[in-house]
PDB file of N, CA and C in Angstrom:
ATOM      1  N   MET A   1       3.417   1.066 -37.306  1.00  0.00           N
ATOM      2  CA  MET A   1       3.883   2.374 -36.909  1.00  0.00           C
ATOM      3  C   MET A   1       4.318   2.328 -35.446  1.00  0.00           C
ATOM      4  N   ILE A   2       5.481   2.852 -35.164  1.00  0.00           N
ATOM      5  CA  ILE A   2       6.011   2.873 -33.812  1.00  0.00           C
ATOM      6  C   ILE A   2       5.745   4.243 -33.195  1.00  0.00           C
ATOM      7  N   VAL A   3       5.172   4.225 -32.009  1.00  0.00           N
ATOM      8  CA  VAL A   3       4.885   5.471 -31.312  1.00  0.00           C
ATOM      9  C   VAL A   3       5.845   5.571 -30.136  1.00  0.00           C
ATOM     10  N   PHE A   4       6.579   6.659 -30.079  1.00  0.00           N
ATOM     11  CA  PHE A   4       7.503   6.878 -28.978  1.00  0.00           C
ATOM     12  C   PHE A   4       6.835   7.750 -27.934  1.00  0.00           C
ATOM     13  N   MET A   5       6.958   7.326 -26.690  1.00  0.00           N
ATOM     14  CA  MET A   5       6.374   8.095 -25.602  1.00  0.00           C
ATOM     15  C   MET A   5       7.322   9.226 -25.223  1.00  0.00           C
ATOM     16  N   HIS A   6       6.753  10.319 -24.843  1.00  0.00           N
ATOM     17  CA  HIS A   6       7.542  11.449 -24.394  1.00  0.00           C
ATOM     18  C   HIS A   6       8.218  11.087 -23.076  1.00  0.00           C
ATOM     19  N   LYS A   7       9.404  11.607 -22.843  1.00  0.00           N
ATOM     20  CA  LYS A   7      10.191  11.279 -21.662  1.00  0.00           C
ATOM     21  C   LYS A   7       9.479  11.597 -20.352  1.00  0.00           C
ATOM     22  N   GLU A   8       8.643  12.624 -20.342  1.00  0.00           N
ATOM     23  CA  GLU A   8       8.046  13.080 -19.099  1.00  0.00           C
ATOM     24  C   GLU A   8       6.749  12.371 -18.736  1.00  0.00           C
ATOM     25  N   THR A   9       6.293  11.430 -19.524  1.00  0.00           N
ATOM     26  CA  THR A   9       5.074  10.726 -19.154  1.00  0.00           C
ATOM     27  C   THR A   9       5.348   9.845 -17.948  1.00  0.00           C
ATOM     28  N   HIS A  10       4.393   9.796 -17.067  1.00  0.00           N
ATOM     29  CA  HIS A  10       4.593   8.969 -15.880  1.00  0.00           C
ATOM     30  C   HIS A  10       3.924   7.617 -16.072  1.00  0.00           C
ATOM     31  N   SER A  11       4.362   6.659 -15.295  1.00  0.00           N
ATOM     32  CA  SER A  11       3.848   5.304 -15.447  1.00  0.00           C
ATOM     33  C   SER A  11       2.583   5.140 -14.621  1.00  0.00           C
ATOM     34  N   ASN A  12       1.553   4.641 -15.243  1.00  0.00           N
ATOM     35  CA  ASN A  12       0.290   4.413 -14.550  1.00  0.00           C
ATOM     36  C   ASN A  12       0.162   2.981 -14.050  1.00  0.00           C
ATOM     37  N   HIS A  13       1.180   2.187 -14.257  1.00  0.00           N
ATOM     38  CA  HIS A  13       1.078   0.778 -13.887  1.00  0.00           C
ATOM     39  C   HIS A  13       1.440   0.510 -12.432  1.00  0.00           C
ATOM     40  N   ILE A  14       2.039   1.446 -11.735  1.00  0.00           N
ATOM     41  CA  ILE A  14       2.486   1.212 -10.365  1.00  0.00           C
ATOM     42  C   ILE A  14       1.298   1.024  -9.426  1.00  0.00           C
ATOM     43  N   LEU A  15       0.257   1.819  -9.551  1.00  0.00           N
ATOM     44  CA  LEU A  15      -0.868   1.752  -8.624  1.00  0.00           C
ATOM     45  C   LEU A  15      -1.546   0.383  -8.611  1.00  0.00           C
ATOM     46  N   PRO A  16      -2.017  -0.136  -9.746  1.00  0.00           N
ATOM     47  CA  PRO A  16      -2.681  -1.450  -9.674  1.00  0.00           C
ATOM     48  C   PRO A  16      -1.729  -2.583  -9.295  1.00  0.00           C
ATOM     49  N   THR A  17      -0.487  -2.501  -9.744  1.00  0.00           N
ATOM     50  CA  THR A  17       0.471  -3.550  -9.412  1.00  0.00           C
ATOM     51  C   THR A  17       0.829  -3.514  -7.941  1.00  0.00           C
ATOM     52  N   ALA A  18       1.040  -2.329  -7.401  1.00  0.00           N
ATOM     53  CA  ALA A  18       1.344  -2.201  -5.974  1.00  0.00           C
ATOM     54  C   ALA A  18       0.156  -2.674  -5.130  1.00  0.00           C
ATOM     55  N   ALA A  19      -1.055  -2.361  -5.559  1.00  0.00           N
ATOM     56  CA  ALA A  19      -2.246  -2.801  -4.834  1.00  0.00           C
ATOM     57  C   ALA A  19      -2.371  -4.327  -4.866  1.00  0.00           C
ATOM     58  N   ASN A  20      -2.095  -4.926  -6.015  1.00  0.00           N
ATOM     59  CA  ASN A  20      -2.140  -6.392  -6.109  1.00  0.00           C
ATOM     60  C   ASN A  20      -1.081  -7.042  -5.226  1.00  0.00           C
ATOM     61  N   LEU A  21       0.122  -6.509  -5.268  1.00  0.00           N
ATOM     62  CA  LEU A  21       1.188  -7.069  -4.443  1.00  0.00           C
ATOM     63  C   LEU A  21       0.958  -6.802  -2.957  1.00  0.00           C
ATOM     64  N   LEU A  22       0.276  -5.736  -2.631  1.00  0.00           N
ATOM     65  CA  LEU A  22      -0.094  -5.472  -1.247  1.00  0.00           C
ATOM     66  C   LEU A  22      -1.019  -6.576  -0.737  1.00  0.00           C
ATOM     67  N   GLY A  23      -2.015  -6.911  -1.531  1.00  0.00           N
ATOM     68  CA  GLY A  23      -2.911  -8.018  -1.165  1.00  0.00           C
ATOM     69  C   GLY A  23      -2.168  -9.337  -1.050  1.00  0.00           C
ATOM     70  N   PHE A  24      -1.250  -9.575  -1.977  1.00  0.00           N
ATOM     71  CA  PHE A  24      -0.467 -10.808  -1.940  1.00  0.00           C
ATOM     72  C   PHE A  24       0.398 -10.884  -0.691  1.00  0.00           C
ATOM     73  N   THR A  25       1.035  -9.771  -0.324  1.00  0.00           N
ATOM     74  CA  THR A  25       1.895  -9.806   0.863  1.00  0.00           C
ATOM     75  C   THR A  25       1.078  -9.946   2.145  1.00  0.00           C
ATOM     76  N   PHE A  26      -0.145  -9.399   2.161  1.00  0.00           N
ATOM     77  CA  PHE A  26      -1.025  -9.649   3.310  1.00  0.00           C
ATOM     78  C   PHE A  26      -1.358 -11.135   3.413  1.00  0.00           C
ATOM     79  N   LEU A  27      -1.585 -11.771   2.271  1.00  0.00           N
ATOM     80  CA  LEU A  27      -1.862 -13.213   2.252  1.00  0.00           C
ATOM     81  C   LEU A  27      -0.654 -14.001   2.753  1.00  0.00           C
ATOM     82  N   VAL A  28       0.533 -13.633   2.299  1.00  0.00           N
ATOM     83  CA  VAL A  28       1.759 -14.304   2.743  1.00  0.00           C
ATOM     84  C   VAL A  28       1.967 -14.090   4.240  1.00  0.00           C
ATOM     85  N   LEU A  29       1.764 -12.878   4.710  1.00  0.00           N
ATOM     86  CA  LEU A  29       1.929 -12.578   6.133  1.00  0.00           C
ATOM     87  C   LEU A  29       0.954 -13.384   6.984  1.00  0.00           C
ATOM     88  N   THR A  30      -0.285 -13.453   6.554  1.00  0.00           N
ATOM     89  CA  THR A  30      -1.287 -14.232   7.278  1.00  0.00           C
ATOM     90  C   THR A  30      -0.929 -15.710   7.269  1.00  0.00           C
ATOM     91  N   SER A  31      -0.453 -16.209   6.137  1.00  0.00           N
ATOM     92  CA  SER A  31      -0.067 -17.624   6.041  1.00  0.00           C
ATOM     93  C   SER A  31       1.112 -17.948   6.946  1.00  0.00           C
ATOM     94  N   ILE A  32       2.096 -17.073   6.964  1.00  0.00           N
ATOM     95  CA  ILE A  32       3.265 -17.305   7.816  1.00  0.00           C
ATOM     96  C   ILE A  32       2.851 -17.354   9.277  1.00  0.00           C
ATOM     97  N   ARG A  33       1.972 -16.447   9.658  1.00  0.00           N
ATOM     98  CA  ARG A  33       1.573 -16.371  11.070  1.00  0.00           C
ATOM     99  C   ARG A  33       0.656 -17.518  11.473  1.00  0.00           C
ATOM    100  N   THR A  34      -0.342 -17.835  10.652  1.00  0.00           N
ATOM    101  CA  THR A  34      -1.310 -18.858  11.047  1.00  0.00           C
ATOM    102  C   THR A  34      -0.751 -20.270  10.920  1.00  0.00           C
ATOM    103  N   LEU A  35       0.053 -20.513   9.904  1.00  0.00           N
ATOM    104  CA  LEU A  35       0.622 -21.846   9.715  1.00  0.00           C
ATOM    105  C   LEU A  35       1.938 -22.025  10.465  1.00  0.00           C
ATOM    106  N   GLN A  36       2.405 -20.960  11.097  1.00  0.00           N
ATOM    107  CA  GLN A  36       3.665 -20.968  11.832  1.00  0.00           C
ATOM    108  C   GLN A  36       4.795 -21.555  10.980  1.00  0.00           C
ATOM    109  N   LEU A  37       4.923 -21.002   9.770  1.00  0.00           N
ATOM    110  CA  LEU A  37       5.925 -21.484   8.827  1.00  0.00           C
ATOM    111  C   LEU A  37       7.338 -21.086   9.223  1.00  0.00           C
ATOM    112  N   ALA A  38       7.462 -20.027   9.974  1.00  0.00           N
ATOM    113  CA  ALA A  38       8.797 -19.544  10.315  1.00  0.00           C
ATOM    114  C   ALA A  38       8.975 -19.521  11.824  1.00  0.00           C
ATOM    115  N   ALA A  39      10.057 -20.104  12.255  1.00  0.00           N
ATOM    116  CA  ALA A  39      10.374 -20.044  13.674  1.00  0.00           C
ATOM    117  C   ALA A  39      10.925 -18.667  14.022  1.00  0.00           C
ATOM    118  N   SER A  40      11.482 -18.008  13.028  1.00  0.00           N
ATOM    119  CA  SER A  40      12.083 -16.703  13.228  1.00  0.00           C
ATOM    120  C   SER A  40      11.072 -15.603  12.945  1.00  0.00           C
ATOM    121  N   SER A  41      11.167 -14.528  13.696  1.00  0.00           N
ATOM    122  CA  SER A  41      10.283 -13.397  13.439  1.00  0.00           C
ATOM    123  C   SER A  41      10.829 -12.506  12.323  1.00  0.00           C
ATOM    124  N   ALA A  42      12.009 -12.832  11.801  1.00  0.00           N
ATOM    125  CA  ALA A  42      12.599 -12.036  10.720  1.00  0.00           C
ATOM    126  C   ALA A  42      11.717 -12.065   9.474  1.00  0.00           C
ATOM    127  N   LEU A  43      11.130 -13.212   9.154  1.00  0.00           N
ATOM    128  CA  LEU A  43      10.255 -13.293   7.984  1.00  0.00           C
ATOM    129  C   LEU A  43       9.008 -12.449   8.177  1.00  0.00           C
ATOM    130  N   ILE A  44       8.481 -12.444   9.384  1.00  0.00           N
ATOM    131  CA  ILE A  44       7.296 -11.644   9.660  1.00  0.00           C
ATOM    132  C   ILE A  44       7.631 -10.157   9.522  1.00  0.00           C
ATOM    133  N   ILE A  45       8.772  -9.761  10.026  1.00  0.00           N
ATOM    134  CA  ILE A  45       9.185  -8.360   9.926  1.00  0.00           C
ATOM    135  C   ILE A  45       9.430  -7.975   8.471  1.00  0.00           C
ATOM    136  N   LEU A  46      10.135  -8.829   7.724  1.00  0.00           N
ATOM    137  CA  LEU A  46      10.396  -8.525   6.312  1.00  0.00           C
ATOM    138  C   LEU A  46       9.112  -8.467   5.498  1.00  0.00           C
ATOM    139  N   THR A  47       8.174  -9.346   5.790  1.00  0.00           N
ATOM    140  CA  THR A  47       6.898  -9.312   5.084  1.00  0.00           C
ATOM    141  C   THR A  47       6.128  -8.046   5.448  1.00  0.00           C
ATOM    142  N   GLY A  48       6.234  -7.623   6.700  1.00  0.00           N
ATOM    143  CA  GLY A  48       5.630  -6.358   7.108  1.00  0.00           C
ATOM    144  C   GLY A  48       6.240  -5.177   6.377  1.00  0.00           C
ATOM    145  N   VAL A  49       7.555  -5.243   6.145  1.00  0.00           N
ATOM    146  CA  VAL A  49       8.225  -4.197   5.366  1.00  0.00           C
ATOM    147  C   VAL A  49       7.660  -4.160   3.941  1.00  0.00           C
ATOM    148  N   CYS A  50       7.412  -5.332   3.370  1.00  0.00           N
ATOM    149  CA  CYS A  50       6.795  -5.394   2.030  1.00  0.00           C
ATOM    150  C   CYS A  50       5.424  -4.730   2.039  1.00  0.00           C
ATOM    151  N   VAL A  51       4.624  -5.029   3.048  1.00  0.00           N
ATOM    152  CA  VAL A  51       3.285  -4.438   3.151  1.00  0.00           C
ATOM    153  C   VAL A  51       3.391  -2.914   3.208  1.00  0.00           C
ATOM    154  N   ILE A  52       4.287  -2.416   4.029  1.00  0.00           N
ATOM    155  CA  ILE A  52       4.456  -0.972   4.157  1.00  0.00           C
ATOM    156  C   ILE A  52       4.954  -0.359   2.852  1.00  0.00           C
ATOM    157  N   ALA A  53       5.928  -1.001   2.210  1.00  0.00           N
ATOM    158  CA  ALA A  53       6.479  -0.474   0.961  1.00  0.00           C
ATOM    159  C   ALA A  53       5.421  -0.410  -0.139  1.00  0.00           C
ATOM    160  N   PHE A  54       4.645  -1.482  -0.308  1.00  0.00           N
ATOM    161  CA  PHE A  54       3.623  -1.478  -1.353  1.00  0.00           C
ATOM    162  C   PHE A  54       2.486  -0.517  -1.026  1.00  0.00           C
ATOM    163  N   SER A  55       2.182  -0.331   0.263  1.00  0.00           N
ATOM    164  CA  SER A  55       1.163   0.647   0.652  1.00  0.00           C
ATOM    165  C   SER A  55       1.604   2.065   0.307  1.00  0.00           C
ATOM    166  N   ILE A  56       2.829   2.409   0.670  1.00  0.00           N
ATOM    167  CA  ILE A  56       3.346   3.744   0.379  1.00  0.00           C
ATOM    168  C   ILE A  56       3.451   3.963  -1.124  1.00  0.00           C
ATOM    169  N   SER A  57       3.900   2.948  -1.837  1.00  0.00           N
ATOM    170  CA  SER A  57       4.020   3.055  -3.285  1.00  0.00           C
ATOM    171  C   SER A  57       2.661   3.296  -3.939  1.00  0.00           C
ATOM    172  N   ALA A  58       1.652   2.569  -3.505  1.00  0.00           N
ATOM    173  CA  ALA A  58       0.306   2.759  -4.054  1.00  0.00           C
ATOM    174  C   ALA A  58      -0.229   4.145  -3.723  1.00  0.00           C
ATOM    175  N   LEU A  59      -0.002   4.609  -2.504  1.00  0.00           N
ATOM    176  CA  LEU A  59      -0.464   5.944  -2.118  1.00  0.00           C
ATOM    177  C   LEU A  59       0.221   7.043  -2.930  1.00  0.00           C
ATOM    178  N   LEU A  60       1.530   6.925  -3.106  1.00  0.00           N
ATOM    179  CA  LEU A  60       2.255   7.930  -3.892  1.00  0.00           C
ATOM    180  C   LEU A  60       1.818   7.918  -5.358  1.00  0.00           C
ATOM    181  N   SER A  61       1.594   6.731  -5.894  1.00  0.00           N
ATOM    182  CA  SER A  61       1.152   6.632  -7.282  1.00  0.00           C
ATOM    183  C   SER A  61      -0.242   7.242  -7.443  1.00  0.00           C
ATOM    184  N   PHE A  62      -1.113   6.974  -6.490  1.00  0.00           N
ATOM    185  CA  PHE A  62      -2.448   7.576  -6.527  1.00  0.00           C
ATOM    186  C   PHE A  62      -2.350   9.092  -6.436  1.00  0.00           C
ATOM    187  N   GLN A  63      -1.497   9.567  -5.536  1.00  0.00           N
ATOM    188  CA  GLN A  63      -1.328  11.012  -5.376  1.00  0.00           C
ATOM    189  C   GLN A  63      -0.784  11.653  -6.648  1.00  0.00           C
ATOM    190  N   SER A  64       0.091  10.935  -7.348  1.00  0.00           N
ATOM    191  CA  SER A  64       0.629  11.490  -8.595  1.00  0.00           C
ATOM    192  C   SER A  64      -0.452  11.638  -9.656  1.00  0.00           C
ATOM    193  N   MET A  65      -1.441  10.772  -9.643  1.00  0.00           N
ATOM    194  CA  MET A  65      -2.544  10.888 -10.605  1.00  0.00           C
ATOM    195  C   MET A  65      -3.483  12.035 -10.251  1.00  0.00           C
ATOM    196  N   ARG A  66      -3.564  12.362  -8.980  1.00  0.00           N
ATOM    197  CA  ARG A  66      -4.476  13.404  -8.528  1.00  0.00           C
ATOM    198  C   ARG A  66      -3.860  14.801  -8.565  1.00  0.00           C
ATOM    199  N   THR A  67      -2.538  14.878  -8.685  1.00  0.00           N
ATOM    200  CA  THR A  67      -1.853  16.162  -8.654  1.00  0.00           C
ATOM    201  C   THR A  67      -1.850  16.788 -10.044  1.00  0.00           C
ATOM    202  N   LYS A  68      -2.012  18.088 -10.078  1.00  0.00           N
ATOM    203  CA  LYS A  68      -2.067  18.809 -11.361  1.00  0.00           C
ATOM    204  C   LYS A  68      -0.701  19.289 -11.836  1.00  0.00           C
ATOM    205  N   GLU A  69       0.181  19.617 -10.912  1.00  0.00           N
ATOM    206  CA  GLU A  69       1.481  20.176 -11.260  1.00  0.00           C
ATOM    207  C   GLU A  69       2.397  19.083 -11.818  1.00  0.00           C
ATOM    208  N   ARG A  70       2.928  19.287 -12.991  1.00  0.00           N
ATOM    209  CA  ARG A  70       3.709  18.259 -13.697  1.00  0.00           C
ATOM    210  C   ARG A  70       4.957  17.837 -12.936  1.00  0.00           C
ATOM    211  N   LYS A  71       5.688  18.776 -12.364  1.00  0.00           N
ATOM    212  CA  LYS A  71       6.911  18.439 -11.637  1.00  0.00           C
ATOM    213  C   LYS A  71       6.591  17.597 -10.402  1.00  0.00           C
ATOM    214  N   THR A  72       5.524  17.942  -9.707  1.00  0.00           N
ATOM    215  CA  THR A  72       5.117  17.185  -8.524  1.00  0.00           C
ATOM    216  C   THR A  72       4.667  15.783  -8.909  1.00  0.00           C
ATOM    217  N   VAL A  73       3.977  15.671 -10.022  1.00  0.00           N
ATOM    218  CA  VAL A  73       3.544  14.350 -10.510  1.00  0.00           C
ATOM    219  C   VAL A  73       4.754  13.455 -10.736  1.00  0.00           C
ATOM    220  N   ILE A  74       5.757  13.993 -11.403  1.00  0.00           N
ATOM    221  CA  ILE A  74       6.963  13.214 -11.698  1.00  0.00           C
ATOM    222  C   ILE A  74       7.675  12.826 -10.416  1.00  0.00           C
ATOM    223  N   ASP A  75       7.749  13.743  -9.444  1.00  0.00           N
ATOM    224  CA  ASP A  75       8.389  13.436  -8.166  1.00  0.00           C
ATOM    225  C   ASP A  75       7.660  12.320  -7.425  1.00  0.00           C
ATOM    226  N   TYR A  76       6.335  12.417  -7.344  1.00  0.00           N
ATOM    227  CA  TYR A  76       5.552  11.367  -6.674  1.00  0.00           C
ATOM    228  C   TYR A  76       5.760  10.020  -7.353  1.00  0.00           C
ATOM    229  N   GLU A  77       5.725  10.036  -8.674  1.00  0.00           N
ATOM    230  CA  GLU A  77       5.843   8.774  -9.402  1.00  0.00           C
ATOM    231  C   GLU A  77       7.241   8.173  -9.277  1.00  0.00           C
ATOM    232  N   LYS A  78       8.264   9.019  -9.262  1.00  0.00           N
ATOM    233  CA  LYS A  78       9.629   8.508  -9.081  1.00  0.00           C
ATOM    234  C   LYS A  78       9.773   7.831  -7.726  1.00  0.00           C
ATOM    235  N   TRP A  79       9.238   8.487  -6.675  1.00  0.00           N
ATOM    236  CA  TRP A  79       9.325   7.884  -5.343  1.00  0.00           C
ATOM    237  C   TRP A  79       8.476   6.611  -5.261  1.00  0.00           C
ATOM    238  N   ALA A  80       7.324   6.612  -5.925  1.00  0.00           N
ATOM    239  CA  ALA A  80       6.483   5.413  -5.945  1.00  0.00           C
ATOM    240  C   ALA A  80       7.234   4.249  -6.585  1.00  0.00           C
ATOM    241  N   GLU A  81       7.931   4.514  -7.675  1.00  0.00           N
ATOM    242  CA  GLU A  81       8.692   3.464  -8.356  1.00  0.00           C
ATOM    243  C   GLU A  81       9.863   2.980  -7.512  1.00  0.00           C
ATOM    244  N   ARG A  82      10.572   3.898  -6.876  1.00  0.00           N
ATOM    245  CA  ARG A  82      11.715   3.505  -6.030  1.00  0.00           C
ATOM    246  C   ARG A  82      11.267   2.631  -4.863  1.00  0.00           C
ATOM    247  N   ILE A  83      10.203   3.045  -4.200  1.00  0.00           N
ATOM    248  CA  ILE A  83       9.714   2.273  -3.053  1.00  0.00           C
ATOM    249  C   ILE A  83       9.138   0.945  -3.525  1.00  0.00           C
ATOM    250  N   PHE A  84       8.508   0.940  -4.692  1.00  0.00           N
ATOM    251  CA  PHE A  84       7.976  -0.296  -5.260  1.00  0.00           C
ATOM    252  C   PHE A  84       9.102  -1.302  -5.528  1.00  0.00           C
ATOM    253  N   ILE A  85      10.187  -0.831  -6.124  1.00  0.00           N
ATOM    254  CA  ILE A  85      11.337  -1.704  -6.400  1.00  0.00           C
ATOM    255  C   ILE A  85      11.935  -2.232  -5.101  1.00  0.00           C
ATOM    256  N   ALA A  86      12.039  -1.368  -4.093  1.00  0.00           N
ATOM    257  CA  ALA A  86      12.555  -1.814  -2.793  1.00  0.00           C
ATOM    258  C   ALA A  86      11.649  -2.890  -2.204  1.00  0.00           C
ATOM    259  N   GLY A  87      10.344  -2.709  -2.327  1.00  0.00           N
ATOM    260  CA  GLY A  87       9.401  -3.728  -1.849  1.00  0.00           C
ATOM    261  C   GLY A  87       9.550  -5.036  -2.602  1.00  0.00           C
ATOM    262  N   LEU A  88       9.772  -4.947  -3.915  1.00  0.00           N
ATOM    263  CA  LEU A  88       9.985  -6.170  -4.702  1.00  0.00           C
ATOM    264  C   LEU A  88      11.248  -6.903  -4.267  1.00  0.00           C
ATOM    265  N   ILE A  89      12.300  -6.161  -3.993  1.00  0.00           N
ATOM    266  CA  ILE A  89      13.554  -6.781  -3.560  1.00  0.00           C
ATOM    267  C   ILE A  89      13.359  -7.493  -2.227  1.00  0.00           C
ATOM    268  N   VAL A  90      12.683  -6.843  -1.300  1.00  0.00           N
ATOM    269  CA  VAL A  90      12.420  -7.478  -0.007  1.00  0.00           C
ATOM    270  C   VAL A  90      11.522  -8.700  -0.187  1.00  0.00           C
ATOM    271  N   CYS A  91      10.567  -8.614  -1.109  1.00  0.00           N
ATOM    272  CA  CYS A  91       9.681  -9.743  -1.400  1.00  0.00           C
ATOM    273  C   CYS A  91      10.467 -10.940  -1.941  1.00  0.00           C
ATOM    274  N   VAL A  92      11.446 -10.683  -2.775  1.00  0.00           N
ATOM    275  CA  VAL A  92      12.302 -11.752  -3.300  1.00  0.00           C
ATOM    276  C   VAL A  92      13.104 -12.389  -2.171  1.00  0.00           C
ATOM    277  N   VAL A  93      13.622 -11.577  -1.263  1.00  0.00           N
ATOM    278  CA  VAL A  93      14.375 -12.107  -0.127  1.00  0.00           C
ATOM    279  C   VAL A  93      13.475 -12.986   0.733  1.00  0.00           C
ATOM    280  N   VAL A  94      12.247 -12.540   1.006  1.00  0.00           N
ATOM    281  CA  VAL A  94      11.300 -13.343   1.787  1.00  0.00           C
ATOM    282  C   VAL A  94      11.022 -14.662   1.078  1.00  0.00           C
ATOM    283  N   SER A  95      10.838 -14.604  -0.234  1.00  0.00           N
ATOM    284  CA  SER A  95      10.566 -15.826  -1.003  1.00  0.00           C
ATOM    285  C   SER A  95      11.723 -16.810  -0.914  1.00  0.00           C
ATOM    286  N   ILE A  96      12.942 -16.310  -1.049  1.00  0.00           N
ATOM    287  CA  ILE A  96      14.123 -17.180  -0.955  1.00  0.00           C
ATOM    288  C   ILE A  96      14.222 -17.788   0.432  1.00  0.00           C
ATOM    289  N   LEU A  97      13.991 -16.992   1.455  1.00  0.00           N
ATOM    290  CA  LEU A  97      14.050 -17.503   2.824  1.00  0.00           C
ATOM    291  C   LEU A  97      12.990 -18.567   3.067  1.00  0.00           C
ATOM    292  N   LEU A  98      11.797 -18.372   2.499  1.00  0.00           N
ATOM    293  CA  LEU A  98      10.736 -19.363   2.663  1.00  0.00           C
ATOM    294  C   LEU A  98      11.004 -20.642   1.884  1.00  0.00           C
ATOM    295  N   VAL A  99      11.430 -20.486   0.643  1.00  0.00           N
ATOM    296  CA  VAL A  99      11.633 -21.654  -0.220  1.00  0.00           C
ATOM    297  C   VAL A  99      12.752 -22.555   0.304  1.00  0.00           C
ATOM    298  N   PHE A 100      13.846 -21.942   0.722  1.00  0.00           N
ATOM    299  CA  PHE A 100      14.979 -22.734   1.190  1.00  0.00           C
ATOM    300  C   PHE A 100      14.968 -22.953   2.698  1.00  0.00           C
ATOM    301  N   ASP A 101      13.893 -22.526   3.357  1.00  0.00           N
ATOM    302  CA  ASP A 101      13.707 -22.733   4.797  1.00  0.00           C
ATOM    303  C   ASP A 101      14.941 -22.271   5.577  1.00  0.00           C
ATOM    304  N   ILE A 102      15.395 -21.053   5.236  1.00  0.00           N
ATOM    305  CA  ILE A 102      16.606 -20.517   5.849  1.00  0.00           C
ATOM    306  C   ILE A 102      16.299 -19.895   7.214  1.00  0.00           C
ATOM    307  N   ALA A 103      15.201 -19.165   7.291  1.00  0.00           N
ATOM    308  CA  ALA A 103      14.892 -18.468   8.559  1.00  0.00           C
ATOM    309  C   ALA A 103      14.136 -19.352   9.505  1.00  0.00           C
TER     310      ALA A 103
END
């Protein structure tokens, strides 16, 4: 039996995933700084952007779970998803820069 979800349900997966990626980006940031992997500060700044993006995404997702008003819940979750995707994109750029030793 296939169950279709209603269009207005919000995603509960952003909070734990954003929290996990927040921890991962802190680990990457610490590694870059302590091992001096990058001569450029661009990687440090981009990794900091990832930390900020995943932090905001986790906070918005948490707030959406705590809010009672349906429209506000959807708004919080939409912004959490947008910021989460932006953080993922920046994370991919950091990974490419690290792997190919571009920065």
